[in-house]
Amino acid sequence: MIFPSSSIFFLLILIMGSVMSISSTSWFGAWIGLELNLMSFIPLVALKMNPFFSEASLKYFLIQALGSVMFISSSFFSLSFLSFSFLSIFLALLLKLGGAPFHFWFPQVMEGLKWPQIFLLSTIQKLAPLTLISYLMINEELMKITIFSAILSALIGSLSGLNQTMLRKIIAFSSINHLSWMLMAVSISDLSWLLYFFIYSMIILSVTSIFYKLQTFSLSSLIQSDQNSIFHAFVISLNFMSLSGLPPLTGFIPKWIIIQIMVNLNLLVPLFFLLFSSLITLYFYLRIMITTILMFNPILNFNMKNKSMTISPSSLFIKSSFNFLGLLVPLYFLMI
């Protein structure tokens, strides 16, 4: 999963903007980093003269510009109205993240992107806002609002993905659901959300790289792709199972850590909603997996043309190897 050589400069500026926001000692410096991040991501989206890419980049720019205006305006209020300023900065960062109740733009923008841009939007673009939110967790009221937003994101991300057949929208609502776990982790422990973010980034990298290689954007195109091998179907299914956090795959490790911390802190009500939403997301992942495995059966796919493989079994296994880490080395047994 690569970008053209002409966009390497924008990738470097994008990473530099995130690092600048994270390491800044003032809200103004953080705002400059977020603006650099935004202005470098737009050219990566609109790589080609395509109306879908242009629409997605315009939507993303308008939403992020609104968030930036809220952010810089709120920082000025910190001299006189500190509590209101922190609340407004938090809402601006939540809008930039695409967390509930400001999630409305995220699936629509995701639908107009290619898989490399989807990976960037789901991972690197969330790093700086999440880190800035973690800086605000010294306020007890903001911690309660963060937990409420996490519960809302979990429910919306799981329920909205039930009737979806487009893979990009499924990944978008899945990202909103995973954001709920990260927001919950931000409110209770810095180390746990960083671990969750890293493992989620590696899992979404394997999923998006496979879909990019197959050039599939819907469930029907995935079923009718040229990967008419039961091995391919099984490995793709394991990727979805790891993304849903099903034990003993790697995606379960950060969830298990957060579950233990929430139980120790007696946060049982938010934990119930997070686990309930995870079961719903597992349901629509299983629907995809069962359909894929059945249709990849040589007895059932007699009406499909046999094509040459575009991705070798070894390449597919290497791309998915991180998801098997929890299966081969069950680290979470050491955490009990």
Protein backbone atom coordinates (compact mmCIF):
# COMPACT_ATOMS: atom_id res chain seq x y z
CA MET A 1 0.00 0.00 0.00
CA ILE A 2 2.01 2.95 -1.31
CA PHE A 3 1.56 6.59 -2.27
CA PRO A 4 3.06 8.12 -5.42
CA SER A 5 6.52 9.66 -5.04
CA SER A 6 5.08 13.15 -5.54
CA SER A 7 3.08 12.85 -2.30
CA ILE A 8 6.00 11.89 -0.02
CA PHE A 9 6.48 15.58 0.83
CA PHE A 10 2.86 15.88 1.99
CA LEU A 11 3.21 12.70 4.05
CA LEU A 12 6.24 14.13 5.82
CA ILE A 13 4.41 17.42 6.50
CA LEU A 14 1.41 15.45 7.80
CA ILE A 15 3.56 13.53 10.27
CA MET A 16 5.42 16.71 11.23
CA GLY A 17 2.12 18.49 11.95
CA SER A 18 1.04 15.69 14.28
CA VAL A 19 4.39 15.73 16.10
CA MET A 20 4.21 19.53 16.42
CA SER A 21 0.73 19.36 17.98
CA ILE A 22 1.74 16.65 20.42
CA SER A 23 4.96 18.33 21.54
CA SER A 24 3.66 21.93 21.65
CA THR A 25 3.71 23.78 24.95
CA SER A 26 0.81 26.09 24.01
CA TRP A 27 -2.61 25.75 22.43
CA PHE A 28 -1.54 28.07 19.62
CA GLY A 29 1.34 25.77 18.71
CA ALA A 30 -1.02 22.80 18.82
CA TRP A 31 -3.38 24.65 16.49
CA ILE A 32 -0.57 25.32 14.01
CA GLY A 33 0.32 21.62 14.03
CA LEU A 34 -3.31 20.65 13.40
CA GLU A 35 -3.48 23.12 10.49
CA LEU A 36 -0.31 21.69 8.94
CA ASN A 37 -1.79 18.24 9.34
CA LEU A 38 -5.03 19.34 7.63
CA MET A 39 -3.42 21.17 4.72
CA SER A 40 -1.10 18.24 3.97
CA PHE A 41 -3.89 15.66 4.06
CA ILE A 42 -6.06 17.43 1.45
CA PRO A 43 -3.55 16.89 -1.44
CA LEU A 44 -3.23 13.23 -0.42
CA VAL A 45 -7.00 12.81 -0.81
CA ALA A 46 -7.33 14.68 -4.13
CA LEU A 47 -4.49 12.88 -5.90
CA LYS A 48 -6.51 12.57 -9.10
CA MET A 49 -9.11 14.77 -10.78
CA ASN A 50 -12.06 12.72 -9.62
CA PRO A 51 -15.42 14.14 -8.40
CA PHE A 52 -15.59 11.61 -5.54
CA PHE A 53 -12.11 12.55 -4.26
CA SER A 54 -12.87 16.26 -4.65
CA GLU A 55 -16.14 15.92 -2.73
CA ALA A 56 -14.47 13.96 0.07
CA SER A 57 -11.62 16.46 0.35
CA LEU A 58 -14.06 19.41 0.40
CA LYS A 59 -16.19 17.80 3.15
CA TYR A 60 -13.09 17.00 5.18
CA PHE A 61 -11.71 20.52 4.75
CA LEU A 62 -14.96 22.21 5.83
CA ILE A 63 -15.37 20.05 8.94
CA GLN A 64 -11.73 20.38 9.97
CA ALA A 65 -11.81 24.14 9.33
CA LEU A 66 -14.87 24.43 11.60
CA GLY A 67 -13.04 22.45 14.26
CA SER A 68 -9.97 24.65 13.90
CA VAL A 69 -12.05 27.83 14.27
CA MET A 70 -13.66 26.43 17.43
CA PHE A 71 -10.23 25.38 18.72
CA ILE A 72 -8.43 28.71 18.26
CA SER A 73 -11.45 30.71 19.47
CA SER A 74 -11.72 28.60 22.62
CA SER A 75 -8.06 29.01 23.50
CA PHE A 76 -8.55 32.79 23.68
CA PHE A 77 -11.25 32.33 26.35
CA SER A 78 -8.81 30.50 28.63
CA LEU A 79 -7.69 33.83 30.12
CA SER A 80 -11.12 34.59 31.61
CA PHE A 81 -13.35 31.50 31.32
CA LEU A 82 -11.06 28.53 31.88
CA SER A 83 -13.71 25.81 32.32
CA PHE A 84 -15.72 26.94 29.29
CA SER A 85 -12.52 27.18 27.25
CA PHE A 86 -11.51 23.60 28.08
CA LEU A 87 -14.99 22.32 27.25
CA SER A 88 -15.02 24.13 23.89
CA ILE A 89 -11.52 22.87 23.03
CA PHE A 90 -12.63 19.33 23.88
CA LEU A 91 -15.68 19.61 21.61
CA ALA A 92 -13.52 20.99 18.78
CA LEU A 93 -11.11 18.06 19.12
CA LEU A 94 -14.03 15.62 19.24
CA LEU A 95 -15.32 17.12 15.99
CA LYS A 96 -11.91 16.66 14.40
CA LEU A 97 -11.83 13.03 15.58
CA GLY A 98 -15.29 12.17 14.30
CA GLY A 99 -16.48 10.95 17.67
CA ALA A 100 -20.15 10.95 18.64
CA PRO A 101 -22.19 13.14 18.59
CA PHE A 102 -20.01 14.76 15.87
CA HIS A 103 -19.61 11.55 13.87
CA PHE A 104 -21.88 12.50 10.95
CA TRP A 105 -19.07 13.53 8.56
CA PHE A 106 -16.77 10.57 9.10
CA PRO A 107 -18.55 7.82 7.06
CA GLN A 108 -19.37 10.26 4.25
CA VAL A 109 -15.74 11.35 3.90
CA MET A 110 -14.52 7.76 4.21
CA GLU A 111 -16.80 6.67 1.37
CA GLY A 112 -14.94 8.90 -1.11
CA LEU A 113 -11.41 7.76 -0.20
CA LYS A 114 -9.08 5.03 -1.39
CA TRP A 115 -7.67 2.47 1.03
CA PRO A 116 -4.32 4.21 1.74
CA GLN A 117 -6.15 7.44 2.62
CA ILE A 118 -8.60 5.45 4.74
CA PHE A 119 -5.67 4.08 6.73
CA LEU A 120 -4.33 7.61 7.30
CA LEU A 121 -7.74 8.97 8.31
CA SER A 122 -8.33 6.09 10.73
CA THR A 123 -4.93 6.23 12.43
CA ILE A 124 -2.46 9.11 11.98
CA GLN A 125 -5.16 11.79 11.72
CA LYS A 126 -6.48 10.73 15.14
CA LEU A 127 -3.16 10.72 16.96
CA ALA A 128 -2.80 14.47 17.61
CA PRO A 129 -6.45 15.15 18.67
CA LEU A 130 -6.43 12.14 21.02
CA THR A 131 -3.17 13.28 22.59
CA LEU A 132 -4.53 16.82 23.08
CA ILE A 133 -7.69 15.35 24.67
CA SER A 134 -5.48 13.39 27.07
CA TYR A 135 -3.93 16.72 28.15
CA LEU A 136 -7.43 17.93 29.13
CA MET A 137 -8.14 14.99 31.43
CA ILE A 138 -7.07 16.95 34.51
CA ASN A 139 -10.65 18.26 34.63
CA GLU A 140 -13.08 15.85 36.30
CA GLU A 141 -16.11 17.21 34.42
CA LEU A 142 -14.37 16.66 31.08
CA MET A 143 -13.59 13.08 32.11
CA LYS A 144 -17.32 12.45 32.61
CA ILE A 145 -18.14 14.04 29.23
CA THR A 146 -15.43 11.88 27.61
CA ILE A 147 -16.97 8.72 29.08
CA PHE A 148 -20.41 9.81 27.84
CA SER A 149 -19.00 10.44 24.35
CA ALA A 150 -17.32 7.02 24.45
CA ILE A 151 -20.63 5.30 25.27
CA LEU A 152 -22.41 7.23 22.50
CA SER A 153 -19.66 6.43 19.97
CA ALA A 154 -19.81 2.75 20.89
CA LEU A 155 -23.56 2.53 20.34
CA ILE A 156 -23.60 4.58 17.12
CA GLY A 157 -20.57 2.82 15.64
CA SER A 158 -22.06 -0.62 16.26
CA LEU A 159 -25.73 -0.03 15.42
CA SER A 160 -25.05 2.04 12.28
CA GLY A 161 -22.88 -0.68 10.76
CA LEU A 162 -25.51 -3.42 10.89
CA ASN A 163 -27.10 -2.92 7.46
CA GLN A 164 -24.00 -1.82 5.58
CA THR A 165 -22.65 -3.67 2.54
CA MET A 166 -19.96 -1.16 1.52
CA LEU A 167 -16.62 -2.07 3.05
CA ARG A 168 -15.51 1.55 3.47
CA LYS A 169 -18.60 2.42 5.52
CA ILE A 170 -18.15 -0.74 7.60
CA ILE A 171 -14.56 0.29 8.36
CA ALA A 172 -15.77 3.84 9.12
CA PHE A 173 -18.37 2.75 11.68
CA SER A 174 -15.88 0.22 13.06
CA SER A 175 -13.41 3.09 13.51
CA ILE A 176 -16.05 5.08 15.43
CA ASN A 177 -16.62 2.06 17.65
CA HIS A 178 -12.89 1.62 18.30
CA LEU A 179 -12.66 5.34 19.01
CA SER A 180 -15.04 4.76 21.93
CA TRP A 181 -12.53 2.36 23.51
CA MET A 182 -9.70 4.85 22.92
CA LEU A 183 -11.70 7.70 24.47
CA MET A 184 -12.46 5.53 27.47
CA ALA A 185 -8.77 4.62 27.74
CA VAL A 186 -7.77 8.30 27.44
CA SER A 187 -9.95 9.13 30.44
CA ILE A 188 -8.39 6.46 32.66
CA SER A 189 -4.82 5.73 31.50
CA ASP A 190 -2.40 7.21 28.97
CA LEU A 191 -0.43 4.01 28.46
CA SER A 192 -3.52 1.92 27.71
CA TRP A 193 -4.82 4.22 24.96
CA LEU A 194 -1.39 4.39 23.32
CA LEU A 195 -1.22 0.58 23.32
CA TYR A 196 -4.76 0.38 21.93
CA PHE A 197 -3.96 2.96 19.25
CA PHE A 198 -0.80 1.11 18.16
CA ILE A 199 -2.47 -2.31 17.94
CA TYR A 200 -5.53 -0.88 16.15
CA SER A 201 -3.24 0.89 13.66
CA MET A 202 -1.42 -2.35 12.84
CA ILE A 203 -4.69 -4.27 12.43
CA ILE A 204 -6.28 -1.62 10.20
CA LEU A 205 -3.03 -1.52 8.17
CA SER A 206 -3.32 -5.24 7.41
CA VAL A 207 -7.03 -4.97 6.53
CA THR A 208 -6.69 -1.92 4.28
CA SER A 209 -3.57 -3.26 2.53
CA ILE A 210 -5.41 -6.48 1.64
CA PHE A 211 -8.44 -4.59 0.34
CA TYR A 212 -6.13 -2.24 -1.58
CA LYS A 213 -4.42 -5.20 -3.23
CA LEU A 214 -7.78 -6.79 -4.10
CA GLN A 215 -9.30 -3.41 -5.15
CA THR A 216 -12.59 -4.25 -3.44
CA PHE A 217 -14.95 -1.64 -2.01
CA SER A 218 -18.13 -3.65 -1.38
CA LEU A 219 -19.10 -7.01 0.04
CA SER A 220 -20.25 -8.27 -3.36
CA SER A 221 -16.95 -7.33 -5.03
CA LEU A 222 -15.06 -9.07 -2.22
CA ILE A 223 -17.04 -12.25 -2.77
CA GLN A 224 -16.65 -12.08 -6.54
CA SER A 225 -12.95 -11.21 -6.45
CA ASP A 226 -10.33 -13.45 -7.99
CA GLN A 227 -9.31 -14.87 -4.64
CA ASN A 228 -11.27 -18.11 -5.04
CA SER A 229 -9.23 -19.91 -2.39
CA ILE A 230 -10.52 -21.06 0.96
CA PHE A 231 -7.16 -20.05 2.48
CA HIS A 232 -7.66 -16.44 1.38
CA ALA A 233 -11.17 -16.42 2.79
CA PHE A 234 -9.96 -17.87 6.09
CA VAL A 235 -7.13 -15.34 6.53
CA ILE A 236 -9.39 -12.38 5.61
CA SER A 237 -11.92 -13.68 8.14
CA LEU A 238 -9.24 -13.85 10.84
CA ASN A 239 -8.39 -10.20 10.10
CA PHE A 240 -12.02 -9.25 10.73
CA MET A 241 -12.08 -11.33 13.91
CA SER A 242 -8.97 -9.55 15.19
CA LEU A 243 -10.51 -6.17 14.27
CA SER A 244 -13.60 -7.08 16.30
CA GLY A 245 -11.44 -7.97 19.31
CA LEU A 246 -12.32 -11.65 19.46
CA PRO A 247 -9.99 -13.69 21.69
CA PRO A 248 -7.38 -15.07 21.34
CA LEU A 249 -6.36 -12.82 18.43
CA THR A 250 -4.25 -9.67 18.83
CA GLY A 251 -7.20 -7.25 18.78
CA PHE A 252 -8.39 -8.68 22.11
CA ILE A 253 -5.21 -7.73 24.03
CA PRO A 254 -5.84 -3.95 24.41
CA LYS A 255 -9.54 -4.52 25.09
CA TRP A 256 -8.67 -6.99 27.84
CA ILE A 257 -6.34 -4.44 29.46
CA ILE A 258 -9.01 -1.71 29.35
CA ILE A 259 -11.65 -4.12 30.70
CA GLN A 260 -9.43 -4.94 33.68
CA ILE A 261 -8.74 -1.26 34.42
CA MET A 262 -12.45 -0.37 34.17
CA VAL A 263 -13.40 -3.22 36.51
CA ASN A 264 -10.77 -2.07 39.03
CA LEU A 265 -12.13 1.50 38.83
CA ASN A 266 -15.71 0.23 39.17
CA LEU A 267 -16.77 1.67 35.79
CA LEU A 268 -19.25 -1.12 35.20
CA VAL A 269 -21.99 0.84 33.41
CA PRO A 270 -19.71 2.21 30.64
CA LEU A 271 -18.09 -1.23 30.40
CA PHE A 272 -21.49 -2.82 29.77
CA PHE A 273 -22.17 -0.49 26.83
CA LEU A 274 -18.71 -1.04 25.36
CA LEU A 275 -19.00 -4.83 25.57
CA PHE A 276 -22.56 -4.74 24.20
CA SER A 277 -21.42 -2.68 21.21
CA SER A 278 -18.50 -5.06 20.63
CA LEU A 279 -20.95 -7.96 20.39
CA ILE A 280 -22.97 -6.06 17.78
CA THR A 281 -19.86 -5.27 15.71
CA LEU A 282 -18.85 -8.92 15.97
CA TYR A 283 -22.25 -9.83 14.52
CA PHE A 284 -21.85 -7.84 11.32
CA TYR A 285 -18.23 -8.98 10.99
CA LEU A 286 -19.40 -12.60 11.29
CA ARG A 287 -22.03 -11.94 8.63
CA ILE A 288 -19.28 -10.88 6.23
CA MET A 289 -17.02 -13.78 7.18
CA ILE A 290 -19.65 -16.50 6.87
CA THR A 291 -20.79 -15.20 3.48
CA THR A 292 -17.22 -14.94 2.25
CA ILE A 293 -16.23 -18.44 3.36
CA LEU A 294 -19.38 -20.00 1.90
CA MET A 295 -18.99 -18.28 -1.46
CA PHE A 296 -15.30 -19.17 -1.63
CA ASN A 297 -16.21 -22.84 -1.35
CA PRO A 298 -15.38 -24.45 -4.73
CA ILE A 299 -18.75 -26.24 -4.74
CA LEU A 300 -20.70 -22.98 -4.37
CA ASN A 301 -18.68 -20.68 -6.62
CA PHE A 302 -19.25 -22.70 -9.82
CA ASN A 303 -20.78 -19.64 -11.50
CA MET A 304 -17.72 -17.47 -10.94
CA LYS A 305 -14.86 -17.20 -13.37
CA ASN A 306 -11.52 -18.60 -12.31
CA LYS A 307 -8.95 -15.83 -12.53
CA SER A 308 -5.29 -15.59 -11.73
CA MET A 309 -4.37 -14.71 -8.16
CA THR A 310 -3.43 -11.06 -7.63
CA ILE A 311 -2.13 -11.70 -4.11
CA SER A 312 -0.10 -14.76 -3.16
CA PRO A 313 -0.88 -16.83 -0.03
CA SER A 314 2.52 -15.97 1.46
CA SER A 315 1.99 -12.23 0.90
CA LEU A 316 -1.48 -12.44 2.44
CA PHE A 317 -0.11 -14.28 5.47
CA ILE A 318 2.68 -11.71 5.96
CA LYS A 319 0.20 -8.82 5.76
CA SER A 320 -1.97 -10.52 8.40
CA SER A 321 0.83 -11.86 10.61
CA PHE A 322 0.38 -9.18 13.30
CA ASN A 323 -3.20 -10.37 13.88
CA PHE A 324 -1.91 -13.85 14.74
CA LEU A 325 0.46 -12.59 17.42
CA GLY A 326 -2.14 -12.98 20.14
CA LEU A 327 -2.92 -16.48 18.83
CA LEU A 328 0.69 -17.61 18.87
CA VAL A 329 1.76 -15.70 21.99
CA PRO A 330 -1.30 -15.31 24.27
CA LEU A 331 0.07 -12.37 26.24
CA TYR A 332 -3.22 -11.59 27.88
CA PHE A 333 -2.95 -14.74 30.03
CA LEU A 334 0.00 -13.02 31.73
CA MET A 335 -2.23 -10.05 32.58
CA ILE A 336 -4.78 -11.97 34.64
